[in-house]
Amino acid sequence: MKHFEGRVLDGHGMYVGSGITLDDEGQLERIGVGGAGSAGPPYIVPGFVDIHCHGGGGASFPDDLEPESIELAIGAHRARGTTAVIASLVSMADPLPAIEALVPFCENGELAGIHMEGPFVSPHKAGAQNPAAIRAGDLEELAAWLRAGRGWIRTMTIAPEIPRAHEVAAMLLAHGAKPSWGHTNATGPEAAAAIEFVLGLAEPVSAGSDSPSYNSAESHTAKPTASALQAGLSSGPVRLQGIRQTATHLFNAMPALGHRAPGPVREYIQAARRGEIAVELIADGVHLAPELVEDVVSYVGSAGTAVFVTDAMAAAGMPEGSYQLGGLSVQVRDGAARLSGSDTIAGGCTMLADQVELMAGRGLLSLGQTVEACVAGPARAASLLREGREARGITIDYEIGAKPNFVVLDADYRVIQVIREGVVL
């Protein structure tokens, strides 16, 4: 039997008790009863969920495909309290080898899924993506990637203005994945049209249907045929619930918010406030000013659709120096990763624990708000709680008899202990 002292919060950031007791098998035996002000610090919060992560511990998910390297990246984040990770790729000429290398880790519960960041993005907002790999939407390529992903591709970053963007979004949704709008040079109306297109889609086509079902939502692209949606896929679509689209690292790799032409940023923030889209925020103090993160989280409010991500690359948890991201050389100096020879930011160097410590420590967001942005928000945004497909490493609500995932934090919100699936790491 193991007992952990502290004020207990659930994945929504709500106080639920004081202290956690696990039995000898790692199953939750009890949560202590106490008034909201009677416990903590320390604090007990569910394990963090990172839905946009390119690597860490010196290993890169797009570049280092050996099982030992993948384990190294997962382990680096897990040791700091991220008990569920989605492995992110970048724009690549051929992402199939990387997808095939990551799928076994999804199937054994070490990863929560795969995020494809590109290659159907804007060459004008490539950021740290390889410009040579960026291209227009291609349904045959996408079908091959979805087939190789065996249902584990959770999200895919696409620019709403590229050719066939809406068709790509429809195909992703029909097969249990979500479009994540980003790396875009879209206007505000183009961003809004993509959001409305997704909202206007009927429930995903069933595997036996002759044609997909749409309502009258308008699109600047042709509506995909059933054969296009089904091409080469080995399993039927998965019904998604709740939010059906996200925005990749809001503000980064998209036009700046303008006072005459607000652009896509305003559309994504407003849609997040309405609960129609989840917006990623890299709350590391490098990609975004902390006060801007606070503003967005506060404005979105109870919708819970502002989520923290790391966008971490291989340098997360490592000394500064030279690294790779998608075959491109990256230099890490002064806590920031940049493409060699340029000022372009190339992924993040933090882990979610660092973002919790930074944002909760500032005091303008409560620990509960920060926890929601790192647990329930991302789990919902990436559909990690789908019936029959709950990812290991995720705890939203503590259940007696279940093997929970949680992190113990000290008075300064620093990680003291990590428990994954009832095992103390």
Foldseek 3Di string as FASTA:
>chain_A
DDKDFFFEAFLLLHTDATIWDADPVLFTADGHHDDNPPGDPWYKYFFFAFEFAQFAQQAGLQPDLDPVRVVNRLVLQQQQRRLEYAHEAAQAQDSLSSLLSCLVCCVVQSYLAYEYADLQADLVLRQQGDSVRRDHDDLVSVLVSQQSNVLRHLEYEHALPGACNLQSQLLQQFARHAYAYALYAFFQVSLLLSLVQVVQADWRDWPPDQFGDGDPRDDPYDHDGPCSSNPPHDDGHDTADFARYEYEAQPHNYDPQDPVGRGNNVVRLVCLLVRHYAYEHAQQCPSDNNVVLLVSLVSSPPSLRYAYHQQHGHQAVHDFAWGDHNNFIWGDDPQFIHGPPDPRGRTGRYHLLSSLLVNCLVPSDPSSSSSSRGAVNVCSNSVCPPVPRNRFSHTRDRDGRWNGWIFTAHPSSGTDWTGGRSRTD
